[in-house]
Amino acid sequence: MLARKSIPLPDSVQFALKNLENIWIADGSTLEALFRKLESLSDVPIGQLSGKMGVIIDLVTHLPEEIWFGTNPQQADTHWEEDLLKTVKPKTLLLLDTGFYHFAFWEKLIQQEIGFITRIKKGASYPVERVLTNTYDVKDQIIKIGAGTKQTPALTIRLVQIRSKTSWRSYLTSVREPEILPPM
């Protein structure tokens, strides 16, 4: 019997789990693109493997918590927002693919005490309300994002920017307390 090697959790994950019950990843993928990576399906004509899959994976166990399938390969990830809201429990940190970049959805997550992290979209506009950290390698700020409408409610969240060699990686999180979720 094959046994999976137990890899210790990174310090950042261990620290986050002191205040959170779960760290889950939500993602949507087109089945065509996913199946093209399988050698056994390489000879199937393009367009024959269509559809979309949404999944929640536990970052700690690497096991799926939930999987959804749809037949439309053009279906947006936002199609699974209600399913996510029904599945994810409070005190969970949800790592969101940018397919879930939807302010009204984020507002519902915050209301249900579900934290999230996602990448910020290029060109996003926001005022900085408070600077938490501003060093050579890390910028951590409380910002206001969204227009304040029903579709794009105004949300007060954190923008964490981390220098990676010559560029910056920018993330949004609803966890506004760095003592619960440090920037690094």
N, C-alpha and C. Protein backbone atom coordinates (compact mmCIF):
# COMPACT_ATOMS: atom_id res chain seq x y z
N MET A 1 0.84 -1.18 0.00
CA MET A 1 0.00 0.00 0.00
C MET A 1 0.89 1.25 0.00
N LEU A 2 0.56 2.18 -0.86
CA LEU A 2 1.30 3.43 -0.92
C LEU A 2 0.83 4.37 0.17
N ALA A 3 1.75 4.98 0.84
CA ALA A 3 1.41 5.96 1.86
C ALA A 3 1.89 7.33 1.40
N ARG A 4 1.08 8.31 1.61
CA ARG A 4 1.44 9.66 1.23
C ARG A 4 2.38 10.24 2.27
N LYS A 5 3.46 10.85 1.81
CA LYS A 5 4.39 11.49 2.72
C LYS A 5 3.71 12.66 3.41
N SER A 6 3.87 12.74 4.69
CA SER A 6 3.30 13.85 5.44
C SER A 6 4.26 15.03 5.37
N ILE A 7 3.79 16.11 4.77
CA ILE A 7 4.60 17.31 4.64
C ILE A 7 4.11 18.30 5.70
N PRO A 8 5.02 18.83 6.50
CA PRO A 8 4.58 19.79 7.51
C PRO A 8 3.94 21.02 6.87
N LEU A 9 2.94 21.54 7.54
CA LEU A 9 2.27 22.74 7.06
C LEU A 9 3.20 23.94 7.18
N PRO A 10 3.17 24.86 6.22
CA PRO A 10 3.97 26.08 6.36
C PRO A 10 3.59 26.84 7.63
N ASP A 11 4.55 27.57 8.18
CA ASP A 11 4.30 28.34 9.41
C ASP A 11 3.10 29.27 9.26
N SER A 12 2.94 29.89 8.09
CA SER A 12 1.83 30.82 7.89
C SER A 12 0.48 30.12 8.00
N VAL A 13 0.40 28.89 7.49
CA VAL A 13 -0.86 28.13 7.58
C VAL A 13 -1.11 27.71 9.03
N GLN A 14 -0.07 27.24 9.70
CA GLN A 14 -0.21 26.85 11.11
C GLN A 14 -0.69 28.04 11.95
N PHE A 15 -0.11 29.21 11.69
CA PHE A 15 -0.50 30.41 12.44
C PHE A 15 -1.96 30.76 12.18
N ALA A 16 -2.37 30.75 10.91
CA ALA A 16 -3.75 31.10 10.55
C ALA A 16 -4.74 30.14 11.19
N LEU A 17 -4.37 28.87 11.30
CA LEU A 17 -5.30 27.88 11.88
C LEU A 17 -5.50 28.06 13.38
N LYS A 18 -4.71 28.92 14.02
CA LYS A 18 -4.95 29.21 15.43
C LYS A 18 -6.24 29.99 15.61
N ASN A 19 -6.63 30.75 14.58
CA ASN A 19 -7.83 31.58 14.66
C ASN A 19 -8.93 31.16 13.68
N LEU A 20 -8.60 30.26 12.79
CA LEU A 20 -9.56 29.81 11.78
C LEU A 20 -9.76 28.31 11.88
N GLU A 21 -10.95 27.84 11.53
CA GLU A 21 -11.21 26.40 11.60
C GLU A 21 -10.82 25.68 10.32
N ASN A 22 -10.91 26.37 9.18
CA ASN A 22 -10.59 25.75 7.90
C ASN A 22 -9.89 26.75 7.00
N ILE A 23 -9.06 26.25 6.11
CA ILE A 23 -8.54 27.04 5.01
C ILE A 23 -8.84 26.24 3.75
N TRP A 24 -9.76 26.76 2.96
CA TRP A 24 -10.22 26.06 1.77
C TRP A 24 -9.90 26.87 0.52
N ILE A 25 -9.77 26.19 -0.60
CA ILE A 25 -9.50 26.81 -1.90
C ILE A 25 -10.72 26.59 -2.79
N ALA A 26 -11.21 27.66 -3.43
CA ALA A 26 -12.33 27.54 -4.37
C ALA A 26 -11.83 27.90 -5.76
N ASP A 27 -12.17 27.05 -6.73
CA ASP A 27 -11.70 27.29 -8.09
C ASP A 27 -12.69 26.70 -9.08
N GLY A 28 -12.70 27.27 -10.25
CA GLY A 28 -13.48 26.74 -11.36
C GLY A 28 -12.56 26.47 -12.53
N SER A 29 -12.80 25.38 -13.24
CA SER A 29 -11.96 25.03 -14.39
C SER A 29 -12.82 24.51 -15.52
N THR A 30 -12.40 24.82 -16.74
CA THR A 30 -13.05 24.26 -17.91
C THR A 30 -12.54 22.84 -18.08
N LEU A 31 -13.46 21.90 -18.21
CA LEU A 31 -13.06 20.50 -18.30
C LEU A 31 -12.19 20.23 -19.53
N GLU A 32 -12.47 20.92 -20.62
CA GLU A 32 -11.67 20.73 -21.84
C GLU A 32 -10.19 20.98 -21.53
N ALA A 33 -9.89 22.11 -20.88
CA ALA A 33 -8.50 22.46 -20.56
C ALA A 33 -7.91 21.46 -19.56
N LEU A 34 -8.73 21.04 -18.61
CA LEU A 34 -8.26 20.09 -17.59
C LEU A 34 -7.95 18.74 -18.22
N PHE A 35 -8.84 18.25 -19.05
CA PHE A 35 -8.65 16.95 -19.67
C PHE A 35 -7.51 16.94 -20.68
N ARG A 36 -7.22 18.05 -21.30
CA ARG A 36 -6.13 18.13 -22.27
C ARG A 36 -4.79 17.81 -21.59
N LYS A 37 -4.73 17.95 -20.28
CA LYS A 37 -3.49 17.66 -19.56
C LYS A 37 -3.31 16.16 -19.32
N LEU A 38 -4.36 15.37 -19.59
CA LEU A 38 -4.29 13.93 -19.41
C LEU A 38 -3.86 13.27 -20.72
N GLU A 39 -2.77 12.54 -20.68
CA GLU A 39 -2.25 11.90 -21.88
C GLU A 39 -3.27 10.96 -22.51
N SER A 40 -4.04 10.26 -21.68
CA SER A 40 -5.00 9.28 -22.20
C SER A 40 -6.12 9.93 -23.02
N LEU A 41 -6.33 11.23 -22.88
CA LEU A 41 -7.38 11.91 -23.63
C LEU A 41 -6.83 12.82 -24.72
N SER A 42 -5.55 12.74 -24.99
CA SER A 42 -4.93 13.65 -25.95
C SER A 42 -5.43 13.47 -27.37
N ASP A 43 -5.96 12.29 -27.72
CA ASP A 43 -6.42 12.06 -29.09
C ASP A 43 -7.90 12.36 -29.30
N VAL A 44 -8.61 12.77 -28.25
CA VAL A 44 -10.02 13.13 -28.38
C VAL A 44 -10.11 14.47 -29.09
N PRO A 45 -11.00 14.59 -30.09
CA PRO A 45 -11.11 15.87 -30.82
C PRO A 45 -11.44 17.04 -29.89
N ILE A 46 -10.87 18.21 -30.20
CA ILE A 46 -11.12 19.41 -29.41
C ILE A 46 -12.61 19.73 -29.43
N GLY A 47 -13.13 20.09 -28.27
CA GLY A 47 -14.54 20.44 -28.16
C GLY A 47 -15.41 19.28 -27.70
N GLN A 48 -14.85 18.09 -27.59
CA GLN A 48 -15.63 16.92 -27.19
C GLN A 48 -15.67 16.74 -25.66
N LEU A 49 -14.86 17.46 -24.95
CA LEU A 49 -14.76 17.30 -23.50
C LEU A 49 -15.27 18.54 -22.77
N SER A 50 -16.27 19.15 -23.32
CA SER A 50 -16.71 20.44 -22.78
C SER A 50 -17.42 20.30 -21.45
N GLY A 51 -17.52 21.42 -20.77
CA GLY A 51 -18.16 21.49 -19.48
C GLY A 51 -17.30 22.28 -18.52
N LYS A 52 -17.79 22.44 -17.34
CA LYS A 52 -17.08 23.23 -16.33
C LYS A 52 -17.20 22.51 -14.99
N MET A 53 -16.18 22.69 -14.17
CA MET A 53 -16.14 22.07 -12.85
C MET A 53 -15.80 23.14 -11.82
N GLY A 54 -16.51 23.11 -10.71
CA GLY A 54 -16.18 23.96 -9.57
C GLY A 54 -15.79 23.07 -8.42
N VAL A 55 -14.81 23.50 -7.63
CA VAL A 55 -14.32 22.63 -6.57
C VAL A 55 -13.90 23.45 -5.35
N ILE A 56 -14.10 22.86 -4.19
CA ILE A 56 -13.54 23.38 -2.93
C ILE A 56 -12.58 22.31 -2.43
N ILE A 57 -11.33 22.72 -2.20
CA ILE A 57 -10.30 21.79 -1.70
C ILE A 57 -9.82 22.30 -0.35
N ASP A 58 -9.65 21.39 0.59
CA ASP A 58 -9.09 21.73 1.89
C ASP A 58 -7.59 21.88 1.74
N LEU A 59 -7.07 23.06 2.06
CA LEU A 59 -5.64 23.33 1.91
C LEU A 59 -4.80 22.43 2.81
N VAL A 60 -5.32 22.04 3.96
CA VAL A 60 -4.56 21.24 4.92
C VAL A 60 -4.51 19.77 4.51
N THR A 61 -5.67 19.19 4.18
CA THR A 61 -5.73 17.76 3.84
C THR A 61 -5.50 17.49 2.36
N HIS A 62 -5.64 18.51 1.53
CA HIS A 62 -5.54 18.41 0.07
C HIS A 62 -6.68 17.58 -0.53
N LEU A 63 -7.74 17.39 0.24
CA LEU A 63 -8.89 16.62 -0.23
C LEU A 63 -10.03 17.55 -0.62
N PRO A 64 -10.85 17.12 -1.59
CA PRO A 64 -11.99 17.95 -1.97
C PRO A 64 -13.07 17.95 -0.90
N GLU A 65 -13.63 19.11 -0.66
CA GLU A 65 -14.78 19.24 0.25
C GLU A 65 -16.08 19.18 -0.55
N GLU A 66 -16.04 19.69 -1.78
CA GLU A 66 -17.23 19.72 -2.63
C GLU A 66 -16.77 19.85 -4.08
N ILE A 67 -17.53 19.22 -4.98
CA ILE A 67 -17.26 19.32 -6.42
C ILE A 67 -18.59 19.51 -7.12
N TRP A 68 -18.63 20.47 -8.06
CA TRP A 68 -19.83 20.72 -8.86
C TRP A 68 -19.45 20.62 -10.33
N PHE A 69 -20.40 20.16 -11.14
CA PHE A 69 -20.19 20.06 -12.58
C PHE A 69 -21.28 20.81 -13.32
N GLY A 70 -20.92 21.42 -14.43
CA GLY A 70 -21.87 22.07 -15.31
C GLY A 70 -21.54 21.70 -16.75
N THR A 71 -22.54 21.70 -17.61
CA THR A 71 -22.31 21.28 -19.00
C THR A 71 -21.86 22.41 -19.90
N ASN A 72 -22.02 23.64 -19.45
CA ASN A 72 -21.67 24.80 -20.27
C ASN A 72 -20.22 25.22 -19.99
N PRO A 73 -19.32 25.07 -20.96
CA PRO A 73 -17.92 25.46 -20.73
C PRO A 73 -17.74 26.97 -20.58
N GLN A 74 -18.74 27.76 -21.01
CA GLN A 74 -18.67 29.22 -20.90
C GLN A 74 -19.21 29.72 -19.56
N GLN A 75 -19.74 28.82 -18.75
CA GLN A 75 -20.33 29.19 -17.47
C GLN A 75 -19.31 29.91 -16.59
N ALA A 76 -19.71 31.01 -16.01
CA ALA A 76 -18.82 31.77 -15.12
C ALA A 76 -18.71 31.08 -13.76
N ASP A 77 -17.57 31.26 -13.12
CA ASP A 77 -17.38 30.69 -11.78
C ASP A 77 -18.43 31.21 -10.81
N THR A 78 -18.92 32.42 -11.05
CA THR A 78 -19.92 33.01 -10.16
C THR A 78 -21.19 32.17 -10.08
N HIS A 79 -21.38 31.26 -11.03
CA HIS A 79 -22.52 30.34 -11.01
C HIS A 79 -22.55 29.52 -9.71
N TRP A 80 -21.38 29.27 -9.13
CA TRP A 80 -21.29 28.45 -7.92
C TRP A 80 -21.27 29.25 -6.62
N GLU A 81 -21.51 30.54 -6.69
CA GLU A 81 -21.47 31.35 -5.47
C GLU A 81 -22.46 30.87 -4.41
N GLU A 82 -23.69 30.62 -4.80
CA GLU A 82 -24.70 30.17 -3.81
C GLU A 82 -24.32 28.82 -3.22
N ASP A 83 -23.77 27.93 -4.05
CA ASP A 83 -23.31 26.63 -3.55
C ASP A 83 -22.18 26.82 -2.53
N LEU A 84 -21.27 27.73 -2.82
CA LEU A 84 -20.19 28.02 -1.88
C LEU A 84 -20.74 28.56 -0.56
N LEU A 85 -21.69 29.48 -0.65
CA LEU A 85 -22.27 30.07 0.56
C LEU A 85 -22.97 29.02 1.42
N LYS A 86 -23.56 28.02 0.80
CA LYS A 86 -24.22 26.94 1.54
C LYS A 86 -23.23 25.95 2.14
N THR A 87 -22.07 25.81 1.51
CA THR A 87 -21.10 24.79 1.91
C THR A 87 -20.08 25.29 2.93
N VAL A 88 -19.59 26.50 2.73
CA VAL A 88 -18.50 27.01 3.56
C VAL A 88 -19.04 27.46 4.92
N LYS A 89 -18.31 27.08 5.96
CA LYS A 89 -18.71 27.37 7.34
C LYS A 89 -18.03 28.64 7.85
N PRO A 90 -18.65 29.30 8.84
CA PRO A 90 -17.97 30.44 9.47
C PRO A 90 -16.59 30.03 10.00
N LYS A 91 -15.72 31.01 10.14
CA LYS A 91 -14.34 30.82 10.62
C LYS A 91 -13.51 30.02 9.63
N THR A 92 -13.90 30.12 8.34
CA THR A 92 -13.14 29.50 7.26
C THR A 92 -12.48 30.62 6.46
N LEU A 93 -11.25 30.39 6.06
CA LEU A 93 -10.57 31.29 5.14
C LEU A 93 -10.66 30.64 3.76
N LEU A 94 -11.23 31.36 2.81
CA LEU A 94 -11.46 30.85 1.47
C LEU A 94 -10.49 31.53 0.51
N LEU A 95 -9.63 30.75 -0.15
CA LEU A 95 -8.72 31.28 -1.16
C LEU A 95 -9.47 31.22 -2.48
N LEU A 96 -9.79 32.39 -3.02
CA LEU A 96 -10.65 32.48 -4.19
C LEU A 96 -9.88 32.75 -5.47
N ASP A 97 -10.21 32.02 -6.50
CA ASP A 97 -9.74 32.30 -7.84
C ASP A 97 -10.38 33.62 -8.28
N THR A 98 -9.76 34.32 -9.21
CA THR A 98 -10.33 35.60 -9.65
C THR A 98 -11.65 35.45 -10.38
N GLY A 99 -12.06 34.23 -10.70
CA GLY A 99 -13.39 34.01 -11.26
C GLY A 99 -14.49 34.36 -10.27
N PHE A 100 -14.14 34.47 -9.00
CA PHE A 100 -15.09 34.85 -7.94
C PHE A 100 -14.91 36.31 -7.52
N TYR A 101 -14.40 37.13 -8.42
CA TYR A 101 -14.16 38.55 -8.15
C TYR A 101 -15.50 39.27 -8.32
N HIS A 102 -16.29 39.26 -7.26
CA HIS A 102 -17.66 39.76 -7.31
C HIS A 102 -17.99 40.35 -5.94
N PHE A 103 -18.10 41.67 -5.86
CA PHE A 103 -18.22 42.37 -4.58
C PHE A 103 -19.46 41.96 -3.78
N ALA A 104 -20.60 41.74 -4.44
CA ALA A 104 -21.82 41.33 -3.72
C ALA A 104 -21.60 39.96 -3.08
N PHE A 105 -20.90 39.07 -3.74
CA PHE A 105 -20.56 37.76 -3.19
C PHE A 105 -19.63 37.92 -1.99
N TRP A 106 -18.62 38.77 -2.13
CA TRP A 106 -17.70 39.01 -1.01
C TRP A 106 -18.46 39.53 0.20
N GLU A 107 -19.41 40.43 -0.04
CA GLU A 107 -20.20 40.98 1.07
C GLU A 107 -20.95 39.88 1.81
N LYS A 108 -21.51 38.92 1.07
CA LYS A 108 -22.22 37.79 1.70
C LYS A 108 -21.25 36.93 2.50
N LEU A 109 -20.06 36.69 1.97
CA LEU A 109 -19.06 35.93 2.72
C LEU A 109 -18.74 36.62 4.05
N ILE A 110 -18.51 37.93 3.99
CA ILE A 110 -18.19 38.69 5.19
C ILE A 110 -19.34 38.60 6.20
N GLN A 111 -20.58 38.72 5.73
CA GLN A 111 -21.75 38.63 6.61
C GLN A 111 -21.84 37.27 7.28
N GLN A 112 -21.36 36.22 6.62
CA GLN A 112 -21.40 34.87 7.19
C GLN A 112 -20.13 34.51 7.95
N GLU A 113 -19.28 35.52 8.21
CA GLU A 113 -18.03 35.34 8.94
C GLU A 113 -17.08 34.36 8.25
N ILE A 114 -17.06 34.44 6.94
CA ILE A 114 -16.15 33.65 6.12
C ILE A 114 -15.12 34.62 5.54
N GLY A 115 -13.86 34.38 5.84
CA GLY A 115 -12.80 35.23 5.32
C GLY A 115 -12.42 34.79 3.92
N PHE A 116 -11.83 35.69 3.15
CA PHE A 116 -11.36 35.32 1.82
C PHE A 116 -10.07 36.05 1.50
N ILE A 117 -9.33 35.45 0.57
CA ILE A 117 -8.16 36.07 -0.05
C ILE A 117 -8.31 35.86 -1.55
N THR A 118 -8.03 36.89 -2.33
CA THR A 118 -8.03 36.79 -3.78
C THR A 118 -7.04 37.81 -4.34
N ARG A 119 -6.68 37.66 -5.58
CA ARG A 119 -5.81 38.65 -6.21
C ARG A 119 -6.64 39.87 -6.59
N ILE A 120 -6.02 41.03 -6.55
CA ILE A 120 -6.71 42.25 -6.97
C ILE A 120 -6.62 42.34 -8.49
N LYS A 121 -7.68 42.84 -9.10
CA LYS A 121 -7.66 43.00 -10.56
C LYS A 121 -6.83 44.23 -10.93
N LYS A 122 -6.12 44.10 -12.03
CA LYS A 122 -5.30 45.19 -12.52
C LYS A 122 -6.20 46.41 -12.81
N GLY A 123 -5.76 47.57 -12.37
CA GLY A 123 -6.51 48.79 -12.62
C GLY A 123 -7.61 49.07 -11.61
N ALA A 124 -7.73 48.23 -10.57
CA ALA A 124 -8.76 48.47 -9.55
C ALA A 124 -8.52 49.82 -8.88
N SER A 125 -9.61 50.52 -8.58
CA SER A 125 -9.53 51.83 -7.96
C SER A 125 -10.02 51.74 -6.52
N TYR A 126 -9.28 52.37 -5.62
CA TYR A 126 -9.64 52.30 -4.19
C TYR A 126 -8.93 53.41 -3.42
N PRO A 127 -9.61 53.98 -2.44
CA PRO A 127 -8.92 54.89 -1.52
C PRO A 127 -8.34 54.10 -0.35
N VAL A 128 -7.19 54.53 0.12
CA VAL A 128 -6.56 53.91 1.29
C VAL A 128 -7.14 54.59 2.53
N GLU A 129 -7.68 53.80 3.43
CA GLU A 129 -8.23 54.34 4.68
C GLU A 129 -7.19 54.37 5.79
N ARG A 130 -6.32 53.35 5.81
CA ARG A 130 -5.31 53.29 6.87
C ARG A 130 -4.14 52.42 6.41
N VAL A 131 -2.94 52.85 6.73
CA VAL A 131 -1.74 52.08 6.41
C VAL A 131 -1.36 51.28 7.66
N LEU A 132 -1.26 49.95 7.51
CA LEU A 132 -0.88 49.08 8.62
C LEU A 132 0.63 48.81 8.61
N THR A 133 1.18 48.61 7.41
CA THR A 133 2.61 48.35 7.24
C THR A 133 3.04 48.98 5.93
N ASN A 134 4.22 49.58 5.93
CA ASN A 134 4.77 50.13 4.70
C ASN A 134 6.28 50.00 4.76
N THR A 135 6.80 48.85 4.29
CA THR A 135 8.23 48.60 4.28
C THR A 135 8.68 48.38 2.84
N TYR A 136 9.95 48.12 2.68
CA TYR A 136 10.51 47.89 1.35
C TYR A 136 9.84 46.69 0.67
N ASP A 137 9.53 45.64 1.43
CA ASP A 137 9.00 44.40 0.87
C ASP A 137 7.50 44.18 1.07
N VAL A 138 6.88 44.92 1.99
CA VAL A 138 5.47 44.67 2.33
C VAL A 138 4.72 45.98 2.49
N LYS A 139 3.54 46.01 1.86
CA LYS A 139 2.59 47.10 2.07
C LYS A 139 1.29 46.45 2.50
N ASP A 140 0.75 46.90 3.62
CA ASP A 140 -0.49 46.33 4.16
C ASP A 140 -1.40 47.50 4.50
N GLN A 141 -2.55 47.56 3.82
CA GLN A 141 -3.43 48.73 3.96
C GLN A 141 -4.88 48.30 4.11
N ILE A 142 -5.64 49.10 4.83
CA ILE A 142 -7.09 48.98 4.84
C ILE A 142 -7.60 49.90 3.74
N ILE A 143 -8.40 49.34 2.84
CA ILE A 143 -8.90 50.13 1.71
C ILE A 143 -10.43 50.03 1.64
N LYS A 144 -11.01 50.91 0.88
CA LYS A 144 -12.44 50.86 0.54
C LYS A 144 -12.50 50.56 -0.94
N ILE A 145 -13.23 49.50 -1.30
CA ILE A 145 -13.34 49.11 -2.70
C ILE A 145 -14.80 48.87 -3.04
N GLY A 146 -15.20 49.24 -4.23
CA GLY A 146 -16.59 49.08 -4.66
C GLY A 146 -17.27 50.43 -4.77
N ALA A 147 -18.29 50.49 -5.62
CA ALA A 147 -18.97 51.75 -5.92
C ALA A 147 -20.08 52.11 -4.93
N GLY A 148 -20.47 51.15 -4.09
CA GLY A 148 -21.54 51.43 -3.14
C GLY A 148 -22.92 51.17 -3.71
N THR A 149 -22.99 50.41 -4.80
CA THR A 149 -24.28 50.04 -5.39
C THR A 149 -24.63 48.62 -4.95
N LYS A 150 -25.83 48.18 -5.32
CA LYS A 150 -26.25 46.81 -4.97
C LYS A 150 -25.32 45.78 -5.61
N GLN A 151 -24.93 46.01 -6.85
CA GLN A 151 -24.07 45.07 -7.58
C GLN A 151 -22.62 45.13 -7.11
N THR A 152 -22.15 46.33 -6.79
CA THR A 152 -20.77 46.49 -6.30
C THR A 152 -20.77 47.28 -5.00
N PRO A 153 -21.18 46.62 -3.91
CA PRO A 153 -21.21 47.32 -2.63
C PRO A 153 -19.82 47.79 -2.22
N ALA A 154 -19.77 48.86 -1.47
CA ALA A 154 -18.49 49.36 -0.96
C ALA A 154 -18.08 48.48 0.22
N LEU A 155 -16.88 47.93 0.14
CA LEU A 155 -16.37 47.05 1.19
C LEU A 155 -15.09 47.61 1.75
N THR A 156 -14.93 47.50 3.06
CA THR A 156 -13.69 47.88 3.72
C THR A 156 -12.91 46.59 3.95
N ILE A 157 -11.81 46.42 3.21
CA ILE A 157 -11.01 45.20 3.28
C ILE A 157 -9.53 45.57 3.27
N ARG A 158 -8.67 44.56 3.34
CA ARG A 158 -7.23 44.79 3.31
C ARG A 158 -6.65 44.53 1.94
N LEU A 159 -5.70 45.36 1.59
CA LEU A 159 -4.87 45.14 0.42
C LEU A 159 -3.46 44.85 0.93
N VAL A 160 -2.97 43.66 0.63
CA VAL A 160 -1.62 43.26 1.03
C VAL A 160 -0.79 43.13 -0.23
N GLN A 161 0.33 43.85 -0.26
CA GLN A 161 1.23 43.81 -1.41
C GLN A 161 2.59 43.34 -0.93
N ILE A 162 3.12 42.33 -1.63
CA ILE A 162 4.40 41.74 -1.25
C ILE A 162 5.34 41.80 -2.45
N ARG A 163 6.54 42.34 -2.22
CA ARG A 163 7.53 42.45 -3.29
C ARG A 163 8.08 41.05 -3.58
N SER A 164 8.11 40.72 -4.87
CA SER A 164 8.69 39.47 -5.34
C SER A 164 9.72 39.83 -6.41
N LYS A 165 10.96 39.91 -6.01
CA LYS A 165 12.07 40.35 -6.87
C LYS A 165 11.78 41.76 -7.39
N THR A 166 11.38 41.91 -8.66
CA THR A 166 11.20 43.25 -9.22
C THR A 166 9.72 43.64 -9.38
N SER A 167 8.81 42.80 -8.94
CA SER A 167 7.39 43.14 -9.08
C SER A 167 6.67 42.96 -7.74
N TRP A 168 5.45 43.43 -7.70
CA TRP A 168 4.63 43.33 -6.50
C TRP A 168 3.50 42.34 -6.74
N ARG A 169 3.21 41.50 -5.76
CA ARG A 169 2.04 40.61 -5.75
C ARG A 169 1.01 41.27 -4.85
N SER A 170 -0.20 41.46 -5.37
CA SER A 170 -1.22 42.19 -4.63
C SER A 170 -2.43 41.31 -4.37
N TYR A 171 -2.84 41.27 -3.11
CA TYR A 171 -3.94 40.42 -2.69
C TYR A 171 -4.94 41.23 -1.87
N LEU A 172 -6.21 40.85 -1.98
CA LEU A 172 -7.26 41.41 -1.15
C LEU A 172 -7.69 40.36 -0.14
N THR A 173 -7.96 40.79 1.07
CA THR A 173 -8.50 39.88 2.07
C THR A 173 -9.54 40.60 2.92
N SER A 174 -10.55 39.84 3.30
CA SER A 174 -11.57 40.40 4.19
C SER A 174 -11.14 40.30 5.65
N VAL A 175 -10.06 39.58 5.92
CA VAL A 175 -9.53 39.48 7.29
C VAL A 175 -8.72 40.74 7.54
N ARG A 176 -9.33 41.68 8.25
CA ARG A 176 -8.70 42.99 8.42
C ARG A 176 -7.70 43.06 9.55
N GLU A 177 -7.64 42.04 10.36
CA GLU A 177 -6.73 42.04 11.52
C GLU A 177 -5.44 41.31 11.20
N PRO A 178 -4.31 42.03 11.11
CA PRO A 178 -3.03 41.37 10.82
C PRO A 178 -2.62 40.39 11.92
N GLU A 179 -3.13 40.56 13.13
CA GLU A 179 -2.79 39.62 14.20
C GLU A 179 -3.46 38.25 13.99
N ILE A 180 -4.50 38.20 13.17
CA ILE A 180 -5.14 36.93 12.81
C ILE A 180 -4.54 36.38 11.53
N LEU A 181 -4.29 37.27 10.56
CA LEU A 181 -3.73 36.86 9.27
C LEU A 181 -2.64 37.87 8.89
N PRO A 182 -1.39 37.59 9.32
CA PRO A 182 -0.29 38.51 9.01
C PRO A 182 -0.06 38.61 7.50
N PRO A 183 0.52 39.71 7.05
CA PRO A 183 0.76 39.87 5.62
C PRO A 183 1.77 38.88 5.05
N MET A 184 2.62 38.32 5.88
CA MET A 184 3.60 37.32 5.41
C MET A 184 3.69 36.18 6.38
